[in-house]
Amino acid sequence: FSRNIGLVTAAQQERLRSARVAVAGCGGGGGGYIAALARAGVGRFSLADPDVFEWVNFNRQYGASRSTVGRNKAVVMGEIVQGINPEAEVRVLPVALDPATIDGFLDGVDVVLDGIDFFAPDARRLLYRTARARGIPVVVGGPIGWSAAWQIWLPDGPSLETFCGFTPDMSEEDVLTRYIVATTPG
């Protein structure tokens, strides 16, 4: 990754090599994050996704190809990382994030990237709450029409729950509506 020097300093490149990045969701958003970070020289990854690649993913998901149809997205993206950087340490969680899996997923993580499917609000809320409690920032980029919205959720800033106005008794539909309205620039 010496060709990155100039874009980053040697010390910054070493920091990338020693960083652990957790990516929750390895499809449309997450797959792109993973490939770019592997090429940037990030040396340690935690990848989670319960889903498999399908033909309908070909237009937008980095790991989707004829040879990956039916294969778990986290497993495939882990293989892609290893193909880019054989020295990278990759932990793969080919299941959904839930109370039984979240702690192991976040062990030793420096930053989380949210690539979770929009229609999985329980996993997203769990991820953000747990990362916040551990002092781990969460970064998410979401497509909006022909643009995108990037957000960085710092542990000492407002929580996702507070920012979106979630309450414990909200329906999933209300949670999704509040999430998109609160996090989409006006």
C-alpha atoms as a PDB file:
ATOM      1  CA  PHE A   1       0.000   0.000   0.000  1.00  0.00           C
ATOM      2  CA  SER A   2       3.018   2.280  -0.394  1.00  0.00           C
ATOM      3  CA  ARG A   3       1.311   3.864  -3.433  1.00  0.00           C
ATOM      4  CA  ASN A   4      -1.127   5.440  -0.954  1.00  0.00           C
ATOM      5  CA  ILE A   5       1.704   7.546   0.534  1.00  0.00           C
ATOM      6  CA  GLY A   6       1.096  11.093  -0.629  1.00  0.00           C
ATOM      7  CA  LEU A   7      -2.636  10.679  -0.162  1.00  0.00           C
ATOM      8  CA  VAL A   8      -1.870   9.702   3.439  1.00  0.00           C
ATOM      9  CA  THR A   9       1.352   9.870   5.444  1.00  0.00           C
ATOM     10  CA  ALA A  10       3.333   6.765   6.354  1.00  0.00           C
ATOM     11  CA  ALA A  11       2.043   7.094   9.933  1.00  0.00           C
ATOM     12  CA  GLN A  12      -1.552   7.327   8.703  1.00  0.00           C
ATOM     13  CA  GLN A  13      -1.041   4.287   6.467  1.00  0.00           C
ATOM     14  CA  GLU A  14       0.223   2.363   9.485  1.00  0.00           C
ATOM     15  CA  ARG A  15      -2.852   3.484  11.437  1.00  0.00           C
ATOM     16  CA  LEU A  16      -5.082   2.129   8.656  1.00  0.00           C
ATOM     17  CA  ARG A  17      -3.164  -1.160   8.715  1.00  0.00           C
ATOM     18  CA  SER A  18      -3.747  -1.552  12.457  1.00  0.00           C
ATOM     19  CA  ALA A  19      -7.379  -0.325  12.475  1.00  0.00           C
ATOM     20  CA  ARG A  20     -10.353  -2.665  12.829  1.00  0.00           C
ATOM     21  CA  VAL A  21     -13.386  -1.555  10.849  1.00  0.00           C
ATOM     22  CA  ALA A  22     -16.731  -3.250  11.385  1.00  0.00           C
ATOM     23  CA  VAL A  23     -19.088  -3.265   8.427  1.00  0.00           C
ATOM     24  CA  ALA A  24     -22.661  -4.299   9.166  1.00  0.00           C
ATOM     25  CA  GLY A  25     -24.295  -5.193   5.865  1.00  0.00           C
ATOM     26  CA  CYS A  26     -22.044  -6.315   3.013  1.00  0.00           C
ATOM     27  CA  GLY A  27     -24.294  -5.665   0.002  1.00  0.00           C
ATOM     28  CA  GLY A  28     -25.007  -2.381  -1.797  1.00  0.00           C
ATOM     29  CA  GLY A  29     -23.402   0.123   0.556  1.00  0.00           C
ATOM     30  CA  GLY A  30     -21.254  -2.154   2.673  1.00  0.00           C
ATOM     31  CA  GLY A  31     -19.638  -3.990  -0.224  1.00  0.00           C
ATOM     32  CA  GLY A  32     -18.356  -0.731  -1.673  1.00  0.00           C
ATOM     33  CA  TYR A  33     -17.070   0.402   1.728  1.00  0.00           C
ATOM     34  CA  ILE A  34     -15.250  -2.895   2.222  1.00  0.00           C
ATOM     35  CA  ALA A  35     -13.509  -2.956  -1.163  1.00  0.00           C
ATOM     36  CA  ALA A  36     -12.406   0.686  -0.905  1.00  0.00           C
ATOM     37  CA  LEU A  37     -11.101   0.249   2.638  1.00  0.00           C
ATOM     38  CA  ALA A  38      -9.233  -2.932   1.727  1.00  0.00           C
ATOM     39  CA  ARG A  39      -7.527  -1.040  -1.123  1.00  0.00           C
ATOM     40  CA  ALA A  40      -6.759   1.831   1.258  1.00  0.00           C
ATOM     41  CA  GLY A  41      -4.862  -0.631   3.436  1.00  0.00           C
ATOM     42  CA  VAL A  42      -7.195  -1.199   6.364  1.00  0.00           C
ATOM     43  CA  GLY A  43      -5.777  -4.313   7.995  1.00  0.00           C
ATOM     44  CA  ARG A  44      -8.569  -5.697  10.153  1.00  0.00           C
ATOM     45  CA  PHE A  45     -12.245  -6.172   9.369  1.00  0.00           C
ATOM     46  CA  SER A  46     -15.348  -7.462  11.125  1.00  0.00           C
ATOM     47  CA  LEU A  47     -18.039  -8.201   8.520  1.00  0.00           C
ATOM     48  CA  ALA A  48     -21.658  -9.138   9.216  1.00  0.00           C
ATOM     49  CA  ASP A  49     -24.532  -9.960   6.886  1.00  0.00           C
ATOM     50  CA  PRO A  50     -27.168 -12.711   7.047  1.00  0.00           C
ATOM     51  CA  ASP A  51     -28.072 -12.442   3.353  1.00  0.00           C
ATOM     52  CA  VAL A  52     -26.855 -14.167   0.176  1.00  0.00           C
ATOM     53  CA  PHE A  53     -26.147 -12.652  -3.215  1.00  0.00           C
ATOM     54  CA  GLU A  54     -28.937 -12.949  -5.795  1.00  0.00           C
ATOM     55  CA  TRP A  55     -29.226 -12.057  -9.484  1.00  0.00           C
ATOM     56  CA  VAL A  56     -31.152  -8.890  -8.582  1.00  0.00           C
ATOM     57  CA  ASN A  57     -28.051  -7.559  -6.755  1.00  0.00           C
ATOM     58  CA  PHE A  58     -25.885  -7.320  -9.894  1.00  0.00           C
ATOM     59  CA  ASN A  59     -26.715  -3.688 -10.665  1.00  0.00           C
ATOM     60  CA  ARG A  60     -25.502  -2.269  -7.353  1.00  0.00           C
ATOM     61  CA  GLN A  61     -23.554  -4.683  -5.143  1.00  0.00           C
ATOM     62  CA  TYR A  62     -19.775  -5.016  -5.327  1.00  0.00           C
ATOM     63  CA  GLY A  63     -19.609  -8.729  -4.534  1.00  0.00           C
ATOM     64  CA  ALA A  64     -22.485  -9.810  -6.778  1.00  0.00           C
ATOM     65  CA  SER A  65     -21.406 -11.973  -9.708  1.00  0.00           C
ATOM     66  CA  ARG A  66     -22.411 -15.210 -11.364  1.00  0.00           C
ATOM     67  CA  SER A  67     -20.005 -17.136  -9.147  1.00  0.00           C
ATOM     68  CA  THR A  68     -21.354 -15.615  -5.906  1.00  0.00           C
ATOM     69  CA  VAL A  69     -25.105 -16.169  -6.412  1.00  0.00           C
ATOM     70  CA  GLY A  70     -26.423 -18.056  -3.397  1.00  0.00           C
ATOM     71  CA  ARG A  71     -23.333 -17.345  -1.283  1.00  0.00           C
ATOM     72  CA  ASN A  72     -23.335 -15.324   1.943  1.00  0.00           C
ATOM     73  CA  LYS A  73     -22.422 -11.679   1.387  1.00  0.00           C
ATOM     74  CA  ALA A  74     -20.116 -11.375   4.427  1.00  0.00           C
ATOM     75  CA  VAL A  75     -18.218 -14.523   3.440  1.00  0.00           C
ATOM     76  CA  VAL A  76     -17.779 -13.344  -0.165  1.00  0.00           C
ATOM     77  CA  MET A  77     -16.657  -9.864   0.867  1.00  0.00           C
ATOM     78  CA  GLY A  78     -14.211 -11.406   3.336  1.00  0.00           C
ATOM     79  CA  GLU A  79     -12.712 -13.371   0.454  1.00  0.00           C
ATOM     80  CA  ILE A  80     -12.496 -10.174  -1.605  1.00  0.00           C
ATOM     81  CA  VAL A  81     -10.619  -8.440   1.233  1.00  0.00           C
ATOM     82  CA  GLN A  82      -8.198 -11.378   1.440  1.00  0.00           C
ATOM     83  CA  GLY A  83      -7.732 -11.256  -2.336  1.00  0.00           C
ATOM     84  CA  ILE A  84      -6.770  -7.581  -2.114  1.00  0.00           C
ATOM     85  CA  ASN A  85      -4.688  -7.928   1.048  1.00  0.00           C
ATOM     86  CA  PRO A  86      -3.748 -11.489   2.052  1.00  0.00           C
ATOM     87  CA  GLU A  87      -2.337 -10.135   5.338  1.00  0.00           C
ATOM     88  CA  ALA A  88      -5.671  -8.626   6.406  1.00  0.00           C
ATOM     89  CA  GLU A  89      -7.383 -10.156   9.419  1.00  0.00           C
ATOM     90  CA  VAL A  90     -11.046 -10.750   8.626  1.00  0.00           C
ATOM     91  CA  ARG A  91     -13.730 -11.883  11.059  1.00  0.00           C
ATOM     92  CA  VAL A  92     -16.936 -12.938   9.318  1.00  0.00           C
ATOM     93  CA  LEU A  93     -20.364 -13.151  10.916  1.00  0.00           C
ATOM     94  CA  PRO A  94     -22.746 -14.672   8.330  1.00  0.00           C
ATOM     95  CA  VAL A  95     -25.834 -14.072  10.488  1.00  0.00           C
ATOM     96  CA  ALA A  96     -27.952 -11.122  11.591  1.00  0.00           C
ATOM     97  CA  LEU A  97     -26.845  -8.794  14.327  1.00  0.00           C
ATOM     98  CA  ASP A  98     -28.879  -9.455  17.432  1.00  0.00           C
ATOM     99  CA  PRO A  99     -28.302  -9.370  21.207  1.00  0.00           C
ATOM    100  CA  ALA A 100     -26.413 -12.691  21.029  1.00  0.00           C
ATOM    101  CA  THR A 101     -24.013 -11.610  18.233  1.00  0.00           C
ATOM    102  CA  ILE A 102     -23.471  -7.854  18.655  1.00  0.00           C
ATOM    103  CA  ASP A 103     -20.781  -7.915  21.354  1.00  0.00           C
ATOM    104  CA  GLY A 104     -18.461 -10.286  19.499  1.00  0.00           C
ATOM    105  CA  PHE A 105     -18.992  -8.320  16.296  1.00  0.00           C
ATOM    106  CA  LEU A 106     -17.863  -5.070  17.941  1.00  0.00           C
ATOM    107  CA  ASP A 107     -14.910  -6.476  19.932  1.00  0.00           C
ATOM    108  CA  GLY A 108     -11.795  -4.409  19.247  1.00  0.00           C
ATOM    109  CA  VAL A 109     -13.518  -2.219  16.650  1.00  0.00           C
ATOM    110  CA  ASP A 110     -12.329   1.352  15.985  1.00  0.00           C
ATOM    111  CA  VAL A 111     -15.189   2.484  13.724  1.00  0.00           C
ATOM    112  CA  VAL A 112     -18.439   1.000  12.405  1.00  0.00           C
ATOM    113  CA  LEU A 113     -19.804   1.453   8.896  1.00  0.00           C
ATOM    114  CA  ASP A 114     -23.539   0.944   8.554  1.00  0.00           C
ATOM    115  CA  GLY A 115     -24.532  -0.904   5.391  1.00  0.00           C
ATOM    116  CA  ILE A 116     -27.596  -2.490   6.981  1.00  0.00           C
ATOM    117  CA  ASP A 117     -30.654  -2.909   4.789  1.00  0.00           C
ATOM    118  CA  PHE A 118     -33.133  -0.070   5.265  1.00  0.00           C
ATOM    119  CA  PHE A 119     -35.834  -2.584   6.228  1.00  0.00           C
ATOM    120  CA  ALA A 120     -33.853  -3.955   9.212  1.00  0.00           C
ATOM    121  CA  PRO A 121     -34.442  -1.195  11.782  1.00  0.00           C
ATOM    122  CA  ASP A 122     -34.058  -3.447  14.841  1.00  0.00           C
ATOM    123  CA  ALA A 123     -30.538  -4.468  13.819  1.00  0.00           C
ATOM    124  CA  ARG A 124     -29.622  -0.843  13.045  1.00  0.00           C
ATOM    125  CA  ARG A 125     -30.908   0.438  16.374  1.00  0.00           C
ATOM    126  CA  LEU A 126     -29.080  -2.327  18.259  1.00  0.00           C
ATOM    127  CA  LEU A 127     -25.855  -1.581  16.380  1.00  0.00           C
ATOM    128  CA  TYR A 128     -25.990   2.154  17.067  1.00  0.00           C
ATOM    129  CA  ARG A 129     -26.906   1.728  20.756  1.00  0.00           C
ATOM    130  CA  THR A 130     -24.161  -0.815  21.390  1.00  0.00           C
ATOM    131  CA  ALA A 131     -21.503   1.091  19.443  1.00  0.00           C
ATOM    132  CA  ARG A 132     -22.398   4.270  21.321  1.00  0.00           C
ATOM    133  CA  ALA A 133     -22.160   2.504  24.694  1.00  0.00           C
ATOM    134  CA  ARG A 134     -18.685   1.254  23.708  1.00  0.00           C
ATOM    135  CA  GLY A 135     -17.516   4.674  22.491  1.00  0.00           C
ATOM    136  CA  ILE A 136     -17.343   3.616  18.820  1.00  0.00           C
ATOM    137  CA  PRO A 137     -18.366   6.074  16.076  1.00  0.00           C
ATOM    138  CA  VAL A 138     -20.771   4.908  13.360  1.00  0.00           C
ATOM    139  CA  VAL A 139     -20.598   6.190   9.776  1.00  0.00           C
ATOM    140  CA  VAL A 140     -23.385   5.718   7.231  1.00  0.00           C
ATOM    141  CA  GLY A 141     -23.895   6.881   3.678  1.00  0.00           C
ATOM    142  CA  GLY A 142     -27.317   6.529   2.157  1.00  0.00           C
ATOM    143  CA  PRO A 143     -28.409   7.008  -1.451  1.00  0.00           C
ATOM    144  CA  ILE A 144     -31.060   9.645  -1.959  1.00  0.00           C
ATOM    145  CA  GLY A 145     -32.227  10.016  -5.536  1.00  0.00           C
ATOM    146  CA  TRP A 146     -29.174  11.121  -7.523  1.00  0.00           C
ATOM    147  CA  SER A 147     -27.316  12.145  -4.397  1.00  0.00           C
ATOM    148  CA  ALA A 148     -26.357  10.785  -0.982  1.00  0.00           C
ATOM    149  CA  ALA A 149     -26.398  11.710   2.676  1.00  0.00           C
ATOM    150  CA  TRP A 150     -23.343  10.960   4.840  1.00  0.00           C
ATOM    151  CA  GLN A 151     -23.689  10.891   8.589  1.00  0.00           C
ATOM    152  CA  ILE A 152     -21.185  10.363  11.364  1.00  0.00           C
ATOM    153  CA  TRP A 153     -22.666   9.360  14.705  1.00  0.00           C
ATOM    154  CA  LEU A 154     -20.177  10.157  17.459  1.00  0.00           C
ATOM    155  CA  PRO A 155     -20.527   8.567  20.902  1.00  0.00           C
ATOM    156  CA  ASP A 156     -20.721  11.977  22.596  1.00  0.00           C
ATOM    157  CA  GLY A 157     -23.232  13.459  20.121  1.00  0.00           C
ATOM    158  CA  PRO A 158     -26.971  12.876  19.893  1.00  0.00           C
ATOM    159  CA  SER A 159     -28.000   9.241  19.709  1.00  0.00           C
ATOM    160  CA  LEU A 160     -29.850   7.826  16.720  1.00  0.00           C
ATOM    161  CA  GLU A 161     -32.816   7.199  19.041  1.00  0.00           C
ATOM    162  CA  THR A 162     -32.965  10.829  20.197  1.00  0.00           C
ATOM    163  CA  PHE A 163     -32.212  12.365  16.796  1.00  0.00           C
ATOM    164  CA  CYS A 164     -34.982  10.379  15.107  1.00  0.00           C
ATOM    165  CA  GLY A 165     -37.436  10.670  18.011  1.00  0.00           C
ATOM    166  CA  PHE A 166     -37.890   6.919  18.403  1.00  0.00           C
ATOM    167  CA  THR A 167     -40.014   5.703  21.286  1.00  0.00           C
ATOM    168  CA  PRO A 168     -40.247   2.156  22.666  1.00  0.00           C
ATOM    169  CA  ASP A 169     -43.872   1.736  21.550  1.00  0.00           C
ATOM    170  CA  MET A 170     -43.383   2.769  17.887  1.00  0.00           C
ATOM    171  CA  SER A 171     -44.398   0.432  15.099  1.00  0.00           C
ATOM    172  CA  GLU A 172     -41.734  -0.671  12.609  1.00  0.00           C
ATOM    173  CA  GLU A 173     -43.422   1.456   9.948  1.00  0.00           C
ATOM    174  CA  ASP A 174     -43.199   4.540  12.179  1.00  0.00           C
ATOM    175  CA  VAL A 175     -39.538   3.812  12.962  1.00  0.00           C
ATOM    176  CA  LEU A 176     -38.707   3.537   9.247  1.00  0.00           C
ATOM    177  CA  THR A 177     -40.618   6.724   8.451  1.00  0.00           C
ATOM    178  CA  ARG A 178     -38.934   8.701  11.225  1.00  0.00           C
ATOM    179  CA  TYR A 179     -35.517   7.353  10.260  1.00  0.00           C
ATOM    180  CA  ILE A 180     -35.785   8.422   6.630  1.00  0.00           C
ATOM    181  CA  VAL A 181     -37.312  11.812   7.427  1.00  0.00           C
ATOM    182  CA  ALA A 182     -34.769  12.607  10.168  1.00  0.00           C
ATOM    183  CA  THR A 183     -31.685  11.496   8.270  1.00  0.00           C
ATOM    184  CA  THR A 184     -32.490  12.845   4.792  1.00  0.00           C
ATOM    185  CA  PRO A 185     -31.294  16.415   4.218  1.00  0.00           C
ATOM    186  CA  GLY A 186     -34.149  18.779   3.443  1.00  0.00           C
END
